[in-house]
């Protein structure tokens, strides 16, 4: 058995990333017991999903990275999609470089992924060119996310904003409500559904259900981040019941 140490940089008010990602990798351990996953987190202050607080949170990236460097993780995942996307198209590359630089400065060689970059690479790995998206954000922030995805060359055919501004309230949304929310999307031209474009909005229990009901591949920011983590570790991206992206049939691609 090999221990894989996963470092996570999360907003201080995030309650979901440290729940869904471990849940997926624990489920993987049930079918592939050779790999065991151990989690380490560093938190950055953020309570409200506003441009000002998102910018302030990003300013804490170096401190959080240095804390994780001391644990010598095998991979580091930065888990606040909208904080990165709100800084402008392609910013996930800048964020990944900044975290990498801080880690390397401390002698830590872990690869770095972001949920923003992982969502793009997950969509690409599915071969999807047109997606429909659900977010918990207010409409202006949803438009920011939509614009970021479009800048990467992916068409967003429809989006749904649940308009929940408080980050703790986002974590308390019932994921099973997504089993109905997706039906409000126009999927006429969609190749895939992004059921949650936010690692704070719970969705894991609904991913496979919506995929089966819609007949389309379904992913979330959390399943995409898990796919990316496994890919950079050189491990098969297999998580039972978490949608096509984690079926083991989808190869890793860069974003």
C-alpha atoms as a PDB file:
ATOM      1  CA  UNK A   1       0.000   0.000   0.000  1.00  0.00           C
ATOM      2  CA  UNK A   2       1.262   3.470  -0.934  1.00  0.00           C
ATOM      3  CA  UNK A   3       0.305   6.590   1.005  1.00  0.00           C
ATOM      4  CA  UNK A   4      -0.495   9.590  -1.211  1.00  0.00           C
ATOM      5  CA  UNK A   5      -0.447  12.920   0.628  1.00  0.00           C
ATOM      6  CA  UNK A   6      -2.908  15.461  -0.798  1.00  0.00           C
ATOM      7  CA  UNK A   7      -2.435  19.128   0.104  1.00  0.00           C
ATOM      8  CA  UNK A   8      -5.471  21.381  -0.253  1.00  0.00           C
ATOM      9  CA  UNK A   9      -5.704  25.167  -0.198  1.00  0.00           C
ATOM     10  CA  UNK A  10      -9.295  26.030   0.694  1.00  0.00           C
ATOM     11  CA  UNK A  11     -11.328  29.108   1.642  1.00  0.00           C
ATOM     12  CA  UNK A  12     -11.837  29.395   5.394  1.00  0.00           C
ATOM     13  CA  UNK A  13     -15.603  29.011   4.948  1.00  0.00           C
ATOM     14  CA  UNK A  14     -15.395  25.974   2.662  1.00  0.00           C
ATOM     15  CA  UNK A  15     -17.125  22.934   4.139  1.00  0.00           C
ATOM     16  CA  UNK A  16     -17.374  20.789   1.007  1.00  0.00           C
ATOM     17  CA  UNK A  17     -13.970  20.261  -0.599  1.00  0.00           C
ATOM     18  CA  UNK A  18     -12.662  18.466   2.478  1.00  0.00           C
ATOM     19  CA  UNK A  19     -15.788  16.285   2.362  1.00  0.00           C
ATOM     20  CA  UNK A  20     -16.366  15.410  -1.300  1.00  0.00           C
ATOM     21  CA  UNK A  21     -12.775  14.916  -2.409  1.00  0.00           C
ATOM     22  CA  UNK A  22     -11.916  12.522   0.460  1.00  0.00           C
ATOM     23  CA  UNK A  23     -15.227  10.730  -0.084  1.00  0.00           C
ATOM     24  CA  UNK A  24     -14.328  10.095  -3.714  1.00  0.00           C
ATOM     25  CA  UNK A  25     -10.830   8.897  -2.942  1.00  0.00           C
ATOM     26  CA  UNK A  26     -12.077   6.684  -0.099  1.00  0.00           C
ATOM     27  CA  UNK A  27     -14.480   5.087  -2.587  1.00  0.00           C
ATOM     28  CA  UNK A  28     -11.519   4.554  -4.905  1.00  0.00           C
ATOM     29  CA  UNK A  29      -9.658   2.780  -2.112  1.00  0.00           C
ATOM     30  CA  UNK A  30     -12.500   0.256  -1.962  1.00  0.00           C
ATOM     31  CA  UNK A  31     -11.801  -0.859  -5.539  1.00  0.00           C
ATOM     32  CA  UNK A  32      -8.076  -0.056  -5.757  1.00  0.00           C
ATOM     33  CA  UNK A  33      -6.750  -0.635  -2.210  1.00  0.00           C
ATOM     34  CA  UNK A  34      -3.101  -0.275  -3.220  1.00  0.00           C
ATOM     35  CA  UNK A  35      -3.328   3.530  -2.904  1.00  0.00           C
ATOM     36  CA  UNK A  36      -4.265   5.250   0.344  1.00  0.00           C
ATOM     37  CA  UNK A  37      -4.924   9.001   0.470  1.00  0.00           C
ATOM     38  CA  UNK A  38      -4.064  11.320   3.358  1.00  0.00           C
ATOM     39  CA  UNK A  39      -5.248  14.941   3.388  1.00  0.00           C
ATOM     40  CA  UNK A  40      -3.668  18.167   4.644  1.00  0.00           C
ATOM     41  CA  UNK A  41      -5.339  21.578   4.374  1.00  0.00           C
ATOM     42  CA  UNK A  42      -4.359  25.217   4.638  1.00  0.00           C
ATOM     43  CA  UNK A  43      -7.117  27.823   4.800  1.00  0.00           C
ATOM     44  CA  UNK A  44      -7.467  31.365   3.451  1.00  0.00           C
ATOM     45  CA  UNK A  45      -9.990  33.791   4.949  1.00  0.00           C
ATOM     46  CA  UNK A  46     -13.168  34.328   2.887  1.00  0.00           C
ATOM     47  CA  UNK A  47     -16.793  34.521   4.010  1.00  0.00           C
ATOM     48  CA  UNK A  48     -18.753  36.259   1.242  1.00  0.00           C
ATOM     49  CA  UNK A  49     -18.386  35.465  -2.454  1.00  0.00           C
ATOM     50  CA  UNK A  50     -17.696  39.043  -3.519  1.00  0.00           C
ATOM     51  CA  UNK A  51     -14.950  40.381  -5.815  1.00  0.00           C
ATOM     52  CA  UNK A  52     -13.327  42.173  -2.877  1.00  0.00           C
ATOM     53  CA  UNK A  53     -13.170  39.113  -0.619  1.00  0.00           C
ATOM     54  CA  UNK A  54     -12.076  36.858  -3.466  1.00  0.00           C
ATOM     55  CA  UNK A  55      -9.180  39.215  -4.249  1.00  0.00           C
ATOM     56  CA  UNK A  56      -8.247  39.371  -0.573  1.00  0.00           C
ATOM     57  CA  UNK A  57      -8.263  35.604  -0.356  1.00  0.00           C
ATOM     58  CA  UNK A  58      -5.937  35.265  -3.345  1.00  0.00           C
ATOM     59  CA  UNK A  59      -3.457  37.524  -1.543  1.00  0.00           C
ATOM     60  CA  UNK A  60      -3.044  34.772   1.062  1.00  0.00           C
ATOM     61  CA  UNK A  61      -1.926  32.151  -1.463  1.00  0.00           C
ATOM     62  CA  UNK A  62       1.791  32.288  -0.672  1.00  0.00           C
ATOM     63  CA  UNK A  63       1.269  31.861   3.073  1.00  0.00           C
ATOM     64  CA  UNK A  64      -1.043  28.874   2.531  1.00  0.00           C
ATOM     65  CA  UNK A  65       1.397  27.327   0.057  1.00  0.00           C
ATOM     66  CA  UNK A  66       4.305  27.629   2.486  1.00  0.00           C
ATOM     67  CA  UNK A  67       2.295  25.912   5.209  1.00  0.00           C
ATOM     68  CA  UNK A  68       1.594  22.957   2.925  1.00  0.00           C
ATOM     69  CA  UNK A  69       5.199  22.816   1.737  1.00  0.00           C
ATOM     70  CA  UNK A  70       6.223  21.829   5.264  1.00  0.00           C
ATOM     71  CA  UNK A  71       4.067  18.668   4.997  1.00  0.00           C
ATOM     72  CA  UNK A  72       5.818  17.580   1.767  1.00  0.00           C
ATOM     73  CA  UNK A  73       2.598  16.600  -0.052  1.00  0.00           C
ATOM     74  CA  UNK A  74       2.583  14.560  -3.250  1.00  0.00           C
ATOM     75  CA  UNK A  75       0.226  17.046  -4.933  1.00  0.00           C
ATOM     76  CA  UNK A  76      -1.324  20.403  -3.983  1.00  0.00           C
ATOM     77  CA  UNK A  77      -4.827  21.394  -5.094  1.00  0.00           C
ATOM     78  CA  UNK A  78      -6.099  24.969  -4.843  1.00  0.00           C
ATOM     79  CA  UNK A  79      -9.838  24.754  -4.365  1.00  0.00           C
ATOM     80  CA  UNK A  80     -11.714  27.961  -4.994  1.00  0.00           C
ATOM     81  CA  UNK A  81     -12.766  28.065  -8.614  1.00  0.00           C
ATOM     82  CA  UNK A  82     -14.419  31.479  -8.711  1.00  0.00           C
ATOM     83  CA  UNK A  83     -11.615  33.241  -6.799  1.00  0.00           C
ATOM     84  CA  UNK A  84      -9.290  32.336  -9.645  1.00  0.00           C
ATOM     85  CA  UNK A  85     -11.725  32.875 -12.503  1.00  0.00           C
ATOM     86  CA  UNK A  86     -12.657  36.311 -11.145  1.00  0.00           C
ATOM     87  CA  UNK A  87      -9.077  37.481 -11.804  1.00  0.00           C
ATOM     88  CA  UNK A  88      -9.456  37.146 -15.572  1.00  0.00           C
ATOM     89  CA  UNK A  89      -9.181  34.516 -18.315  1.00  0.00           C
ATOM     90  CA  UNK A  90      -6.333  32.068 -17.970  1.00  0.00           C
ATOM     91  CA  UNK A  91      -5.508  33.110 -14.398  1.00  0.00           C
ATOM     92  CA  UNK A  92      -5.398  29.485 -13.227  1.00  0.00           C
ATOM     93  CA  UNK A  93      -2.032  29.212 -14.990  1.00  0.00           C
ATOM     94  CA  UNK A  94      -0.728  32.199 -13.017  1.00  0.00           C
ATOM     95  CA  UNK A  95      -2.091  30.804  -9.745  1.00  0.00           C
ATOM     96  CA  UNK A  96      -0.549  27.402 -10.374  1.00  0.00           C
ATOM     97  CA  UNK A  97       2.811  29.037 -11.141  1.00  0.00           C
ATOM     98  CA  UNK A  98       2.679  31.124  -7.946  1.00  0.00           C
ATOM     99  CA  UNK A  99       1.929  28.107  -5.762  1.00  0.00           C
ATOM    100  CA  UNK A 100       4.577  26.057  -7.524  1.00  0.00           C
ATOM    101  CA  UNK A 101       7.174  28.788  -6.960  1.00  0.00           C
ATOM    102  CA  UNK A 102       6.367  28.964  -3.242  1.00  0.00           C
ATOM    103  CA  UNK A 103       6.596  25.186  -2.887  1.00  0.00           C
ATOM    104  CA  UNK A 104       9.861  24.936  -4.808  1.00  0.00           C
ATOM    105  CA  UNK A 105      11.336  27.688  -2.665  1.00  0.00           C
ATOM    106  CA  UNK A 106      10.889  25.370   0.301  1.00  0.00           C
ATOM    107  CA  UNK A 107      12.175  22.273  -1.464  1.00  0.00           C
ATOM    108  CA  UNK A 108       8.719  20.766  -2.051  1.00  0.00           C
ATOM    109  CA  UNK A 109       8.387  19.172  -5.490  1.00  0.00           C
ATOM    110  CA  UNK A 110       4.620  18.524  -5.541  1.00  0.00           C
ATOM    111  CA  UNK A 111       2.720  19.220  -8.772  1.00  0.00           C
ATOM    112  CA  UNK A 112      -0.030  21.843  -8.459  1.00  0.00           C
ATOM    113  CA  UNK A 113      -3.594  21.811  -9.715  1.00  0.00           C
ATOM    114  CA  UNK A 114      -6.416  24.321  -9.389  1.00  0.00           C
ATOM    115  CA  UNK A 115     -10.125  23.579  -9.480  1.00  0.00           C
ATOM    116  CA  UNK A 116     -10.464  26.225 -12.209  1.00  0.00           C
ATOM    117  CA  UNK A 117      -7.870  24.591 -14.435  1.00  0.00           C
ATOM    118  CA  UNK A 118      -9.170  21.139 -13.573  1.00  0.00           C
ATOM    119  CA  UNK A 119     -12.692  22.020 -14.705  1.00  0.00           C
ATOM    120  CA  UNK A 120     -11.361  23.080 -18.097  1.00  0.00           C
ATOM    121  CA  UNK A 121      -9.179  19.994 -18.466  1.00  0.00           C
ATOM    122  CA  UNK A 122     -12.058  17.780 -17.327  1.00  0.00           C
ATOM    123  CA  UNK A 123     -14.367  19.195 -19.985  1.00  0.00           C
ATOM    124  CA  UNK A 124     -11.629  18.720 -22.578  1.00  0.00           C
ATOM    125  CA  UNK A 125     -10.930  15.165 -21.399  1.00  0.00           C
ATOM    126  CA  UNK A 126     -14.598  14.303 -21.981  1.00  0.00           C
ATOM    127  CA  UNK A 127     -14.276  15.620 -25.529  1.00  0.00           C
ATOM    128  CA  UNK A 128     -17.023  18.162 -24.847  1.00  0.00           C
ATOM    129  CA  UNK A 129     -17.083  21.429 -26.780  1.00  0.00           C
ATOM    130  CA  UNK A 130     -20.476  22.702 -25.589  1.00  0.00           C
ATOM    131  CA  UNK A 131     -21.579  22.620 -21.937  1.00  0.00           C
ATOM    132  CA  UNK A 132     -24.433  23.761 -19.737  1.00  0.00           C
ATOM    133  CA  UNK A 133     -23.456  25.049 -16.302  1.00  0.00           C
ATOM    134  CA  UNK A 134     -25.037  25.362 -12.848  1.00  0.00           C
ATOM    135  CA  UNK A 135     -23.493  27.687 -10.251  1.00  0.00           C
ATOM    136  CA  UNK A 136     -24.549  28.821  -6.771  1.00  0.00           C
ATOM    137  CA  UNK A 137     -23.355  32.369  -7.534  1.00  0.00           C
ATOM    138  CA  UNK A 138     -25.140  35.621  -8.140  1.00  0.00           C
ATOM    139  CA  UNK A 139     -25.640  36.218 -11.857  1.00  0.00           C
ATOM    140  CA  UNK A 140     -22.677  38.594 -12.375  1.00  0.00           C
ATOM    141  CA  UNK A 141     -20.252  36.020 -10.968  1.00  0.00           C
ATOM    142  CA  UNK A 142     -21.859  33.288 -13.028  1.00  0.00           C
ATOM    143  CA  UNK A 143     -21.224  35.421 -16.110  1.00  0.00           C
ATOM    144  CA  UNK A 144     -17.584  35.674 -15.032  1.00  0.00           C
ATOM    145  CA  UNK A 145     -17.349  31.872 -14.868  1.00  0.00           C
ATOM    146  CA  UNK A 146     -19.131  31.508 -18.218  1.00  0.00           C
ATOM    147  CA  UNK A 147     -16.753  34.011 -19.810  1.00  0.00           C
ATOM    148  CA  UNK A 148     -13.727  32.189 -18.412  1.00  0.00           C
ATOM    149  CA  UNK A 149     -14.910  28.875 -19.842  1.00  0.00           C
ATOM    150  CA  UNK A 150     -15.676  30.464 -23.208  1.00  0.00           C
ATOM    151  CA  UNK A 151     -12.239  32.079 -23.330  1.00  0.00           C
ATOM    152  CA  UNK A 152     -10.813  28.542 -23.129  1.00  0.00           C
ATOM    153  CA  UNK A 153     -12.644  27.690 -26.362  1.00  0.00           C
ATOM    154  CA  UNK A 154     -15.623  25.903 -24.804  1.00  0.00           C
ATOM    155  CA  UNK A 155     -19.124  27.071 -25.705  1.00  0.00           C
ATOM    156  CA  UNK A 156     -21.554  27.527 -22.790  1.00  0.00           C
ATOM    157  CA  UNK A 157     -24.994  26.882 -24.241  1.00  0.00           C
ATOM    158  CA  UNK A 158     -26.912  27.707 -21.040  1.00  0.00           C
ATOM    159  CA  UNK A 159     -26.293  28.516 -17.387  1.00  0.00           C
ATOM    160  CA  UNK A 160     -28.308  28.569 -14.176  1.00  0.00           C
ATOM    161  CA  UNK A 161     -27.480  30.809 -11.189  1.00  0.00           C
ATOM    162  CA  UNK A 162     -28.862  29.726  -7.803  1.00  0.00           C
ATOM    163  CA  UNK A 163     -27.943  33.192  -6.421  1.00  0.00           C
ATOM    164  CA  UNK A 164     -26.622  32.340  -2.955  1.00  0.00           C
ATOM    165  CA  UNK A 165     -24.098  35.037  -1.881  1.00  0.00           C
ATOM    166  CA  UNK A 166     -23.037  33.593   1.496  1.00  0.00           C
ATOM    167  CA  UNK A 167     -20.378  30.899   1.181  1.00  0.00           C
ATOM    168  CA  UNK A 168     -21.543  28.936   4.234  1.00  0.00           C
ATOM    169  CA  UNK A 169     -25.087  28.927   2.861  1.00  0.00           C
ATOM    170  CA  UNK A 170     -23.727  27.492  -0.406  1.00  0.00           C
ATOM    171  CA  UNK A 171     -22.262  24.545   1.522  1.00  0.00           C
ATOM    172  CA  UNK A 172     -25.647  23.872   3.099  1.00  0.00           C
ATOM    173  CA  UNK A 173     -27.501  23.555  -0.213  1.00  0.00           C
ATOM    174  CA  UNK A 174     -29.085  20.132  -0.630  1.00  0.00           C
ATOM    175  CA  UNK A 175     -27.175  18.329  -3.400  1.00  0.00           C
ATOM    176  CA  UNK A 176     -30.243  16.258  -4.219  1.00  0.00           C
ATOM    177  CA  UNK A 177     -31.989  19.441  -5.402  1.00  0.00           C
ATOM    178  CA  UNK A 178     -29.631  19.294  -8.385  1.00  0.00           C
ATOM    179  CA  UNK A 179     -31.571  16.235  -9.532  1.00  0.00           C
ATOM    180  CA  UNK A 180     -34.301  18.732 -10.442  1.00  0.00           C
ATOM    181  CA  UNK A 181     -32.283  21.899 -11.160  1.00  0.00           C
ATOM    182  CA  UNK A 182     -30.593  20.421 -14.228  1.00  0.00           C
ATOM    183  CA  UNK A 183     -33.975  20.108 -15.939  1.00  0.00           C
ATOM    184  CA  UNK A 184     -34.161  23.922 -16.054  1.00  0.00           C
ATOM    185  CA  UNK A 185     -31.189  24.009 -18.442  1.00  0.00           C
ATOM    186  CA  UNK A 186     -31.562  24.101 -22.211  1.00  0.00           C
ATOM    187  CA  UNK A 187     -29.491  21.074 -23.218  1.00  0.00           C
ATOM    188  CA  UNK A 188     -30.392  21.098 -26.902  1.00  0.00           C
ATOM    189  CA  UNK A 189     -26.796  21.571 -28.072  1.00  0.00           C
ATOM    190  CA  UNK A 190     -24.918  20.486 -24.943  1.00  0.00           C
ATOM    191  CA  UNK A 191     -22.229  17.789 -24.935  1.00  0.00           C
ATOM    192  CA  UNK A 192     -21.922  17.729 -21.134  1.00  0.00           C
ATOM    193  CA  UNK A 193     -23.352  19.227 -17.935  1.00  0.00           C
ATOM    194  CA  UNK A 194     -21.273  21.016 -15.298  1.00  0.00           C
ATOM    195  CA  UNK A 195     -23.547  20.236 -12.366  1.00  0.00           C
ATOM    196  CA  UNK A 196     -21.616  22.408  -9.918  1.00  0.00           C
ATOM    197  CA  UNK A 197     -19.106  24.995 -11.122  1.00  0.00           C
ATOM    198  CA  UNK A 198     -18.084  25.519  -7.491  1.00  0.00           C
ATOM    199  CA  UNK A 199     -16.220  23.240  -5.094  1.00  0.00           C
ATOM    200  CA  UNK A 200     -18.323  24.603  -2.223  1.00  0.00           C
ATOM    201  CA  UNK A 201     -21.708  23.603  -3.680  1.00  0.00           C
ATOM    202  CA  UNK A 202     -22.314  19.920  -2.808  1.00  0.00           C
ATOM    203  CA  UNK A 203     -23.149  17.785  -5.814  1.00  0.00           C
ATOM    204  CA  UNK A 204     -21.478  14.403  -5.512  1.00  0.00           C
ATOM    205  CA  UNK A 205     -24.626  12.466  -4.596  1.00  0.00           C
ATOM    206  CA  UNK A 206     -26.362  13.827  -7.716  1.00  0.00           C
ATOM    207  CA  UNK A 207     -23.648  13.450 -10.376  1.00  0.00           C
ATOM    208  CA  UNK A 208     -24.306   9.857 -11.417  1.00  0.00           C
ATOM    209  CA  UNK A 209     -28.095  10.259 -11.110  1.00  0.00           C
ATOM    210  CA  UNK A 210     -28.149  13.295 -13.424  1.00  0.00           C
ATOM    211  CA  UNK A 211     -25.770  11.608 -15.870  1.00  0.00           C
ATOM    212  CA  UNK A 212     -28.045   8.570 -16.060  1.00  0.00           C
ATOM    213  CA  UNK A 213     -31.196  10.694 -16.336  1.00  0.00           C
ATOM    214  CA  UNK A 214     -29.870  13.150 -18.924  1.00  0.00           C
ATOM    215  CA  UNK A 215     -27.843  10.766 -21.054  1.00  0.00           C
ATOM    216  CA  UNK A 216     -24.996  13.314 -21.050  1.00  0.00           C
ATOM    217  CA  UNK A 217     -21.627  13.189 -19.273  1.00  0.00           C
ATOM    218  CA  UNK A 218     -21.876  15.088 -15.984  1.00  0.00           C
ATOM    219  CA  UNK A 219     -18.980  16.590 -14.073  1.00  0.00           C
ATOM    220  CA  UNK A 220     -18.466  19.070 -11.269  1.00  0.00           C
ATOM    221  CA  UNK A 221     -15.604  21.216 -10.057  1.00  0.00           C
ATOM    222  CA  UNK A 222     -14.958  18.561  -7.404  1.00  0.00           C
ATOM    223  CA  UNK A 223     -14.997  15.537  -9.730  1.00  0.00           C
ATOM    224  CA  UNK A 224     -12.786  17.426 -12.202  1.00  0.00           C
ATOM    225  CA  UNK A 225     -10.317  18.286  -9.429  1.00  0.00           C
ATOM    226  CA  UNK A 226     -10.229  14.643  -8.355  1.00  0.00           C
ATOM    227  CA  UNK A 227      -9.628  13.553 -11.960  1.00  0.00           C
ATOM    228  CA  UNK A 228      -6.765  16.029 -12.259  1.00  0.00           C
ATOM    229  CA  UNK A 229      -5.187  15.000  -8.953  1.00  0.00           C
ATOM    230  CA  UNK A 230      -5.205  11.338  -9.923  1.00  0.00           C
ATOM    231  CA  UNK A 231      -3.887  12.160 -13.383  1.00  0.00           C
ATOM    232  CA  UNK A 232      -0.877  14.180 -12.191  1.00  0.00           C
ATOM    233  CA  UNK A 233      -0.088  11.398  -9.713  1.00  0.00           C
ATOM    234  CA  UNK A 234      -0.063   8.956 -12.621  1.00  0.00           C
ATOM    235  CA  UNK A 235      -2.951   6.944 -11.170  1.00  0.00           C
ATOM    236  CA  UNK A 236      -6.063   5.615 -12.956  1.00  0.00           C
ATOM    237  CA  UNK A 237      -8.909   8.120 -12.586  1.00  0.00           C
ATOM    238  CA  UNK A 238     -11.395   5.636 -11.159  1.00  0.00           C
ATOM    239  CA  UNK A 239     -14.099   6.525  -8.629  1.00  0.00           C
ATOM    240  CA  UNK A 240     -17.244   4.376  -8.593  1.00  0.00           C
ATOM    241  CA  UNK A 241     -20.532   6.207  -9.190  1.00  0.00           C
ATOM    242  CA  UNK A 242     -18.982   9.627  -9.851  1.00  0.00           C
ATOM    243  CA  UNK A 243     -19.764  10.044 -13.549  1.00  0.00           C
ATOM    244  CA  UNK A 244     -17.958   9.350 -16.804  1.00  0.00           C
ATOM    245  CA  UNK A 245     -14.961  11.541 -15.982  1.00  0.00           C
ATOM    246  CA  UNK A 246     -14.004   9.195 -13.139  1.00  0.00           C
ATOM    247  CA  UNK A 247     -15.005   5.972 -14.847  1.00  0.00           C
ATOM    248  CA  UNK A 248     -11.417   5.089 -15.745  1.00  0.00           C
ATOM    249  CA  UNK A 249     -12.217   5.441 -19.441  1.00  0.00           C
ATOM    250  CA  UNK A 250     -11.252   9.125 -19.748  1.00  0.00           C
ATOM    251  CA  UNK A 251      -7.537   9.931 -20.195  1.00  0.00           C
ATOM    252  CA  UNK A 252      -5.912  12.986 -18.647  1.00  0.00           C
ATOM    253  CA  UNK A 253      -5.375  16.064 -20.777  1.00  0.00           C
ATOM    254  CA  UNK A 254      -3.789  19.423 -20.005  1.00  0.00           C
ATOM    255  CA  UNK A 255      -5.748  22.674 -19.873  1.00  0.00           C
END
